[in-house]
Amino acid sequence: MSRSAPVWAGLPLFEGIVPEQLERLNLRWTEAGFAPGQMVFDREDPGRDVYFLLSGALLAVYWTEDGREVVYTRIGTGALIGELSAIDGGARSLAIFARAPSRLLQLSEASFRLLIDEVPEIRSRVMRDLVARIRDLTQKAHELSTYSIEQRLCAYLMRLSLQAGSLQPGAVISDAPTHLEIAGSIGANREMVSRSMSRLAKRGAIRTARRKIEILDPDMLSDVL
């Protein structure tokens, strides 16, 4: 009789890891579903479990003291979420919402700590991911302090296109973020984003449709920077 696939099968963090390495740890997993708009956890929540996105899409959000929503990032399938609290014991730094019907795999704080203590490759991957995020935040801080709204928008669209797999004429960003999500990500408001998107479309740099952005001229986007 063939054995069923482990619950973590297919998650990038565990790629190439021998199943027996994890089975002996007796990790505590649970699975949960979330409807669009439902909160996975809120900022300042004391919970320390970590999550993996099995299917769907999530959004990481921060609210300023004056109630402005800042969208930090969209979270895709396979991502690890909530590890900062599990590592340092602090409260959640961001709120996480479901953007679409989503299934998440939940791992207890104790199990996650055991995992990174006992499996060196997992520990290295978590560290590399944290370093990559620090570099990304450094780049975004530079853009916020030196770029205009249109320059930030162009840099954002180029990153989205690269994440989608290509930055070339005809590249399509499917399930594109709303203007409100883009505004929160680049430190603008929705009206500014809408005007800048319209200008880029009129110049022939992009074409937009419902939840889709097509990159027509990537050179024009890069020339703005």
C-alpha atoms as a PDB file:
ATOM      1  CA  MET A   1       0.000   0.000   0.000  1.00  0.00           C
ATOM      2  CA  SER A   2       1.419   3.399  -0.960  1.00  0.00           C
ATOM      3  CA  ARG A   3       1.874   6.003   1.727  1.00  0.00           C
ATOM      4  CA  SER A   4      -0.095   9.236   1.491  1.00  0.00           C
ATOM      5  CA  ALA A   5       1.891  12.417   0.876  1.00  0.00           C
ATOM      6  CA  PRO A   6       2.847  14.333   4.035  1.00  0.00           C
ATOM      7  CA  VAL A   7       0.895  17.504   4.760  1.00  0.00           C
ATOM      8  CA  TRP A   8       3.938  19.676   3.973  1.00  0.00           C
ATOM      9  CA  ALA A   9       4.601  18.082   0.577  1.00  0.00           C
ATOM     10  CA  GLY A  10       4.982  20.710  -2.155  1.00  0.00           C
ATOM     11  CA  LEU A  11       5.873  23.594   0.147  1.00  0.00           C
ATOM     12  CA  PRO A  12       9.070  25.363  -1.027  1.00  0.00           C
ATOM     13  CA  LEU A  13      10.603  25.418   2.461  1.00  0.00           C
ATOM     14  CA  PHE A  14      10.627  21.599   2.526  1.00  0.00           C
ATOM     15  CA  GLU A  15      11.768  20.932  -1.037  1.00  0.00           C
ATOM     16  CA  GLY A  16      14.331  18.104  -1.090  1.00  0.00           C
ATOM     17  CA  ILE A  17      13.979  17.369   2.630  1.00  0.00           C
ATOM     18  CA  VAL A  18      13.862  13.638   3.369  1.00  0.00           C
ATOM     19  CA  PRO A  19      10.444  12.817   4.918  1.00  0.00           C
ATOM     20  CA  GLU A  20      12.042  10.711   7.654  1.00  0.00           C
ATOM     21  CA  GLN A  21      13.875  13.816   8.922  1.00  0.00           C
ATOM     22  CA  LEU A  22      10.557  15.439   9.751  1.00  0.00           C
ATOM     23  CA  GLU A  23       8.559  12.393  10.765  1.00  0.00           C
ATOM     24  CA  ARG A  24      10.848  11.732  13.725  1.00  0.00           C
ATOM     25  CA  LEU A  25      10.167  15.252  15.036  1.00  0.00           C
ATOM     26  CA  ASN A  26       6.406  14.612  15.471  1.00  0.00           C
ATOM     27  CA  LEU A  27       5.516  18.131  14.355  1.00  0.00           C
ATOM     28  CA  ARG A  28       2.045  19.418  15.265  1.00  0.00           C
ATOM     29  CA  TRP A  29       0.160  20.481  12.124  1.00  0.00           C
ATOM     30  CA  THR A  30      -3.419  21.714  11.672  1.00  0.00           C
ATOM     31  CA  GLU A  31      -5.217  22.972   8.573  1.00  0.00           C
ATOM     32  CA  ALA A  32      -7.743  25.820   8.314  1.00  0.00           C
ATOM     33  CA  GLY A  33      -9.744  27.603   5.620  1.00  0.00           C
ATOM     34  CA  PHE A  34     -10.340  31.356   5.324  1.00  0.00           C
ATOM     35  CA  ALA A  35     -12.955  33.250   3.309  1.00  0.00           C
ATOM     36  CA  PRO A  36     -12.105  36.424   1.334  1.00  0.00           C
ATOM     37  CA  GLY A  37     -11.691  39.328   3.751  1.00  0.00           C
ATOM     38  CA  GLN A  38     -11.290  37.060   6.779  1.00  0.00           C
ATOM     39  CA  MET A  39      -8.381  37.848   9.081  1.00  0.00           C
ATOM     40  CA  VAL A  40      -5.770  35.186   9.739  1.00  0.00           C
ATOM     41  CA  PHE A  41      -4.259  37.236  12.562  1.00  0.00           C
ATOM     42  CA  ASP A  42      -4.158  40.911  13.532  1.00  0.00           C
ATOM     43  CA  ARG A  43      -1.253  43.215  14.278  1.00  0.00           C
ATOM     44  CA  GLU A  44      -0.192  42.993  17.944  1.00  0.00           C
ATOM     45  CA  ASP A  45      -1.857  39.588  18.348  1.00  0.00           C
ATOM     46  CA  PRO A  46       0.107  37.486  20.862  1.00  0.00           C
ATOM     47  CA  GLY A  47      -0.079  34.247  18.838  1.00  0.00           C
ATOM     48  CA  ARG A  48       3.241  32.731  17.741  1.00  0.00           C
ATOM     49  CA  ASP A  49       2.275  29.846  15.482  1.00  0.00           C
ATOM     50  CA  VAL A  50       3.477  29.940  11.874  1.00  0.00           C
ATOM     51  CA  TYR A  51       1.419  29.333   8.736  1.00  0.00           C
ATOM     52  CA  PHE A  52       1.975  28.100   5.201  1.00  0.00           C
ATOM     53  CA  LEU A  53      -0.346  29.137   2.380  1.00  0.00           C
ATOM     54  CA  LEU A  54      -1.510  25.977   0.605  1.00  0.00           C
ATOM     55  CA  SER A  55      -3.906  27.698  -1.815  1.00  0.00           C
ATOM     56  CA  GLY A  56      -5.477  31.106  -2.325  1.00  0.00           C
ATOM     57  CA  ALA A  57      -3.935  34.535  -1.728  1.00  0.00           C
ATOM     58  CA  LEU A  58      -3.200  36.673   1.329  1.00  0.00           C
ATOM     59  CA  LEU A  59      -2.463  40.333   1.984  1.00  0.00           C
ATOM     60  CA  ALA A  60      -0.155  41.740   4.696  1.00  0.00           C
ATOM     61  CA  VAL A  61      -1.421  45.101   5.978  1.00  0.00           C
ATOM     62  CA  TYR A  62      -0.319  47.736   8.500  1.00  0.00           C
ATOM     63  CA  TRP A  63      -2.609  50.499   9.793  1.00  0.00           C
ATOM     64  CA  THR A  64      -1.048  53.805  10.780  1.00  0.00           C
ATOM     65  CA  GLU A  65      -2.195  55.763  13.840  1.00  0.00           C
ATOM     66  CA  ASP A  66      -4.380  57.970  11.625  1.00  0.00           C
ATOM     67  CA  GLY A  67      -6.115  54.909  10.155  1.00  0.00           C
ATOM     68  CA  ARG A  68      -4.294  54.808   6.814  1.00  0.00           C
ATOM     69  CA  GLU A  69      -3.847  51.336   5.381  1.00  0.00           C
ATOM     70  CA  VAL A  70      -0.344  50.439   4.200  1.00  0.00           C
ATOM     71  CA  VAL A  71      -0.175  47.272   2.106  1.00  0.00           C
ATOM     72  CA  TYR A  72       3.170  45.614   2.752  1.00  0.00           C
ATOM     73  CA  THR A  73       2.962  42.692   0.390  1.00  0.00           C
ATOM     74  CA  ARG A  74       0.762  40.184  -1.348  1.00  0.00           C
ATOM     75  CA  ILE A  75       1.457  36.658  -0.182  1.00  0.00           C
ATOM     76  CA  GLY A  76       1.467  33.807  -2.676  1.00  0.00           C
ATOM     77  CA  THR A  77       1.047  30.054  -2.464  1.00  0.00           C
ATOM     78  CA  GLY A  78       3.678  28.188  -0.464  1.00  0.00           C
ATOM     79  CA  ALA A  79       4.765  31.211   1.576  1.00  0.00           C
ATOM     80  CA  LEU A  80       5.780  31.003   5.228  1.00  0.00           C
ATOM     81  CA  ILE A  81       3.886  33.486   7.444  1.00  0.00           C
ATOM     82  CA  GLY A  82       4.295  34.572  11.061  1.00  0.00           C
ATOM     83  CA  GLU A  83       7.820  33.280  11.657  1.00  0.00           C
ATOM     84  CA  LEU A  84       9.050  36.569  13.195  1.00  0.00           C
ATOM     85  CA  SER A  85       6.873  36.094  16.288  1.00  0.00           C
ATOM     86  CA  ALA A  86       7.902  32.455  16.568  1.00  0.00           C
ATOM     87  CA  ILE A  87      11.580  33.455  16.439  1.00  0.00           C
ATOM     88  CA  ASP A  88      11.655  36.445  18.805  1.00  0.00           C
ATOM     89  CA  GLY A  89       8.533  35.853  20.921  1.00  0.00           C
ATOM     90  CA  GLY A  90       7.087  39.268  20.053  1.00  0.00           C
ATOM     91  CA  ALA A  91       3.588  40.223  18.957  1.00  0.00           C
ATOM     92  CA  ARG A  92       2.530  40.162  15.304  1.00  0.00           C
ATOM     93  CA  SER A  93       3.937  43.105  13.334  1.00  0.00           C
ATOM     94  CA  LEU A  94       1.333  43.031  10.530  1.00  0.00           C
ATOM     95  CA  ALA A  95      -2.272  41.980   9.984  1.00  0.00           C
ATOM     96  CA  ILE A  96      -2.855  39.147   7.500  1.00  0.00           C
ATOM     97  CA  PHE A  97      -6.080  38.878   5.474  1.00  0.00           C
ATOM     98  CA  ALA A  98      -7.348  36.423   2.890  1.00  0.00           C
ATOM     99  CA  ARG A  99      -7.749  38.038  -0.560  1.00  0.00           C
ATOM    100  CA  ALA A 100      -9.394  34.908  -1.951  1.00  0.00           C
ATOM    101  CA  PRO A 101     -10.665  31.619  -0.502  1.00  0.00           C
ATOM    102  CA  SER A 102      -7.505  30.284   1.147  1.00  0.00           C
ATOM    103  CA  ARG A 103      -6.267  27.137   2.850  1.00  0.00           C
ATOM    104  CA  LEU A 104      -3.468  27.423   5.396  1.00  0.00           C
ATOM    105  CA  LEU A 105      -1.338  24.888   7.181  1.00  0.00           C
ATOM    106  CA  GLN A 106      -0.609  25.890  10.774  1.00  0.00           C
ATOM    107  CA  LEU A 107       2.463  24.802  12.741  1.00  0.00           C
ATOM    108  CA  SER A 108       2.836  25.438  16.457  1.00  0.00           C
ATOM    109  CA  GLU A 109       5.599  27.728  17.710  1.00  0.00           C
ATOM    110  CA  ALA A 110       7.245  24.836  19.563  1.00  0.00           C
ATOM    111  CA  SER A 111       7.217  22.670  16.433  1.00  0.00           C
ATOM    112  CA  PHE A 112       8.650  25.467  14.296  1.00  0.00           C
ATOM    113  CA  ARG A 113      11.481  26.077  16.772  1.00  0.00           C
ATOM    114  CA  LEU A 114      12.195  22.349  16.833  1.00  0.00           C
ATOM    115  CA  LEU A 115      12.205  22.303  13.037  1.00  0.00           C
ATOM    116  CA  ILE A 116      14.814  25.050  12.649  1.00  0.00           C
ATOM    117  CA  ASP A 117      16.906  23.631  15.491  1.00  0.00           C
ATOM    118  CA  GLU A 118      16.986  20.092  14.107  1.00  0.00           C
ATOM    119  CA  VAL A 119      17.030  20.580  10.320  1.00  0.00           C
ATOM    120  CA  PRO A 120      19.972  22.803   9.238  1.00  0.00           C
ATOM    121  CA  GLU A 121      18.734  23.228   5.662  1.00  0.00           C
ATOM    122  CA  ILE A 122      15.372  24.545   6.891  1.00  0.00           C
ATOM    123  CA  ARG A 123      17.184  26.976   9.201  1.00  0.00           C
ATOM    124  CA  SER A 124      19.355  28.217   6.317  1.00  0.00           C
ATOM    125  CA  ARG A 125      16.334  28.728   4.067  1.00  0.00           C
ATOM    126  CA  VAL A 126      14.481  30.728   6.711  1.00  0.00           C
ATOM    127  CA  MET A 127      17.571  32.912   7.238  1.00  0.00           C
ATOM    128  CA  ARG A 128      18.003  33.521   3.502  1.00  0.00           C
ATOM    129  CA  ASP A 129      14.346  34.476   3.181  1.00  0.00           C
ATOM    130  CA  LEU A 130      14.637  36.967   6.050  1.00  0.00           C
ATOM    131  CA  VAL A 131      17.738  38.515   4.459  1.00  0.00           C
ATOM    132  CA  ALA A 132      15.929  38.843   1.114  1.00  0.00           C
ATOM    133  CA  ARG A 133      13.034  40.625   2.815  1.00  0.00           C
ATOM    134  CA  ILE A 134      15.397  43.040   4.568  1.00  0.00           C
ATOM    135  CA  ARG A 135      17.004  43.881   1.226  1.00  0.00           C
ATOM    136  CA  ASP A 136      13.559  44.403  -0.302  1.00  0.00           C
ATOM    137  CA  LEU A 137      12.519  46.730   2.531  1.00  0.00           C
ATOM    138  CA  THR A 138      15.771  48.683   2.116  1.00  0.00           C
ATOM    139  CA  GLN A 139      15.004  49.158  -1.579  1.00  0.00           C
ATOM    140  CA  LYS A 140      11.442  50.274  -0.830  1.00  0.00           C
ATOM    141  CA  ALA A 141      12.681  52.755   1.791  1.00  0.00           C
ATOM    142  CA  HIS A 142      15.049  54.199  -0.815  1.00  0.00           C
ATOM    143  CA  GLU A 143      12.210  54.543  -3.328  1.00  0.00           C
ATOM    144  CA  LEU A 144       9.915  56.249  -0.808  1.00  0.00           C
ATOM    145  CA  SER A 145      12.576  58.822   0.047  1.00  0.00           C
ATOM    146  CA  THR A 146      13.861  59.563  -3.462  1.00  0.00           C
ATOM    147  CA  TYR A 147      11.279  58.587  -6.119  1.00  0.00           C
ATOM    148  CA  SER A 148       8.192  60.431  -7.325  1.00  0.00           C
ATOM    149  CA  ILE A 149       4.797  58.684  -7.232  1.00  0.00           C
ATOM    150  CA  GLU A 150       5.090  57.740 -10.905  1.00  0.00           C
ATOM    151  CA  GLN A 151       8.610  56.391 -10.420  1.00  0.00           C
ATOM    152  CA  ARG A 152       7.462  54.294  -7.459  1.00  0.00           C
ATOM    153  CA  LEU A 153       4.568  52.973  -9.531  1.00  0.00           C
ATOM    154  CA  CYS A 154       6.864  52.013 -12.410  1.00  0.00           C
ATOM    155  CA  ALA A 155       9.285  50.243 -10.059  1.00  0.00           C
ATOM    156  CA  TYR A 156       6.341  48.416  -8.450  1.00  0.00           C
ATOM    157  CA  LEU A 157       4.937  47.288 -11.807  1.00  0.00           C
ATOM    158  CA  MET A 158       8.351  46.065 -12.899  1.00  0.00           C
ATOM    159  CA  ARG A 159       8.704  44.013  -9.702  1.00  0.00           C
ATOM    160  CA  LEU A 160       5.228  42.524 -10.171  1.00  0.00           C
ATOM    161  CA  SER A 161       6.048  41.593 -13.752  1.00  0.00           C
ATOM    162  CA  LEU A 162       9.311  39.931 -12.708  1.00  0.00           C
ATOM    163  CA  GLN A 163       7.501  38.014  -9.971  1.00  0.00           C
ATOM    164  CA  ALA A 164       4.993  36.867 -12.605  1.00  0.00           C
ATOM    165  CA  GLY A 165       7.872  35.398 -14.580  1.00  0.00           C
ATOM    166  CA  SER A 166       8.856  37.926 -17.218  1.00  0.00           C
ATOM    167  CA  LEU A 167       9.516  41.583 -17.943  1.00  0.00           C
ATOM    168  CA  GLN A 168       9.064  41.883 -21.669  1.00  0.00           C
ATOM    169  CA  PRO A 169       6.504  43.290 -24.143  1.00  0.00           C
ATOM    170  CA  GLY A 170       3.262  41.374 -23.734  1.00  0.00           C
ATOM    171  CA  ALA A 171       3.963  40.190 -20.185  1.00  0.00           C
ATOM    172  CA  VAL A 172       0.724  39.934 -18.219  1.00  0.00           C
ATOM    173  CA  ILE A 173       0.241  40.467 -14.496  1.00  0.00           C
ATOM    174  CA  SER A 174      -2.813  38.353 -13.718  1.00  0.00           C
ATOM    175  CA  ASP A 175      -4.948  38.865 -10.607  1.00  0.00           C
ATOM    176  CA  ALA A 176      -3.414  42.330 -10.479  1.00  0.00           C
ATOM    177  CA  PRO A 177      -3.696  44.392  -7.288  1.00  0.00           C
ATOM    178  CA  THR A 178      -6.381  47.051  -7.056  1.00  0.00           C
ATOM    179  CA  HIS A 179      -5.423  50.720  -7.229  1.00  0.00           C
ATOM    180  CA  LEU A 180      -6.035  50.897  -3.480  1.00  0.00           C
ATOM    181  CA  GLU A 181      -3.622  48.009  -2.859  1.00  0.00           C
ATOM    182  CA  ILE A 182      -1.015  49.599  -5.102  1.00  0.00           C
ATOM    183  CA  ALA A 183      -1.431  52.928  -3.310  1.00  0.00           C
ATOM    184  CA  GLY A 184      -0.830  51.305   0.063  1.00  0.00           C
ATOM    185  CA  SER A 185       2.255  49.550  -1.283  1.00  0.00           C
ATOM    186  CA  ILE A 186       3.957  52.618  -2.748  1.00  0.00           C
ATOM    187  CA  GLY A 187       2.992  55.296  -0.219  1.00  0.00           C
ATOM    188  CA  ALA A 188       0.371  57.104  -2.313  1.00  0.00           C
ATOM    189  CA  ASN A 189      -3.411  57.383  -2.452  1.00  0.00           C
ATOM    190  CA  ARG A 190      -5.802  55.710  -4.856  1.00  0.00           C
ATOM    191  CA  GLU A 191      -6.436  58.875  -6.887  1.00  0.00           C
ATOM    192  CA  MET A 192      -2.695  59.422  -7.463  1.00  0.00           C
ATOM    193  CA  VAL A 193      -2.290  55.822  -8.586  1.00  0.00           C
ATOM    194  CA  SER A 194      -5.280  56.023 -10.934  1.00  0.00           C
ATOM    195  CA  ARG A 195      -3.936  59.181 -12.590  1.00  0.00           C
ATOM    196  CA  SER A 196      -0.444  57.709 -12.979  1.00  0.00           C
ATOM    197  CA  MET A 197      -1.819  54.445 -14.382  1.00  0.00           C
ATOM    198  CA  SER A 198      -3.869  56.422 -16.922  1.00  0.00           C
ATOM    199  CA  ARG A 199      -0.805  58.409 -18.003  1.00  0.00           C
ATOM    200  CA  LEU A 200       1.246  55.239 -18.457  1.00  0.00           C
ATOM    201  CA  ALA A 201      -1.564  53.667 -20.483  1.00  0.00           C
ATOM    202  CA  LYS A 202      -1.883  56.729 -22.729  1.00  0.00           C
ATOM    203  CA  ARG A 203       1.871  56.664 -23.394  1.00  0.00           C
ATOM    204  CA  GLY A 204       1.648  53.011 -24.389  1.00  0.00           C
ATOM    205  CA  ALA A 205       3.645  51.582 -21.489  1.00  0.00           C
ATOM    206  CA  ILE A 206       0.835  49.408 -20.117  1.00  0.00           C
ATOM    207  CA  ARG A 207      -2.685  48.214 -20.880  1.00  0.00           C
ATOM    208  CA  THR A 208      -5.143  47.541 -18.075  1.00  0.00           C
ATOM    209  CA  ALA A 209      -8.265  45.418 -17.795  1.00  0.00           C
ATOM    210  CA  ARG A 210     -10.221  43.970 -14.907  1.00  0.00           C
ATOM    211  CA  ARG A 211      -7.631  42.548 -12.455  1.00  0.00           C
ATOM    212  CA  LYS A 212      -5.046  42.388 -15.229  1.00  0.00           C
ATOM    213  CA  ILE A 213      -2.119  44.610 -16.257  1.00  0.00           C
ATOM    214  CA  GLU A 214      -0.265  44.020 -19.524  1.00  0.00           C
ATOM    215  CA  ILE A 215       3.262  45.383 -19.897  1.00  0.00           C
ATOM    216  CA  LEU A 216       3.488  46.811 -23.432  1.00  0.00           C
ATOM    217  CA  ASP A 217       6.806  48.668 -23.179  1.00  0.00           C
ATOM    218  CA  PRO A 218       9.053  47.707 -20.232  1.00  0.00           C
ATOM    219  CA  ASP A 219      11.763  50.105 -21.460  1.00  0.00           C
ATOM    220  CA  MET A 220       9.358  52.992 -20.990  1.00  0.00           C
ATOM    221  CA  LEU A 221       8.784  51.931 -17.390  1.00  0.00           C
ATOM    222  CA  SER A 222      12.504  51.687 -16.682  1.00  0.00           C
ATOM    223  CA  ASP A 223      13.205  55.034 -18.387  1.00  0.00           C
ATOM    224  CA  VAL A 224      11.036  56.758 -15.760  1.00  0.00           C
ATOM    225  CA  LEU A 225      13.394  55.622 -12.982  1.00  0.00           C
END
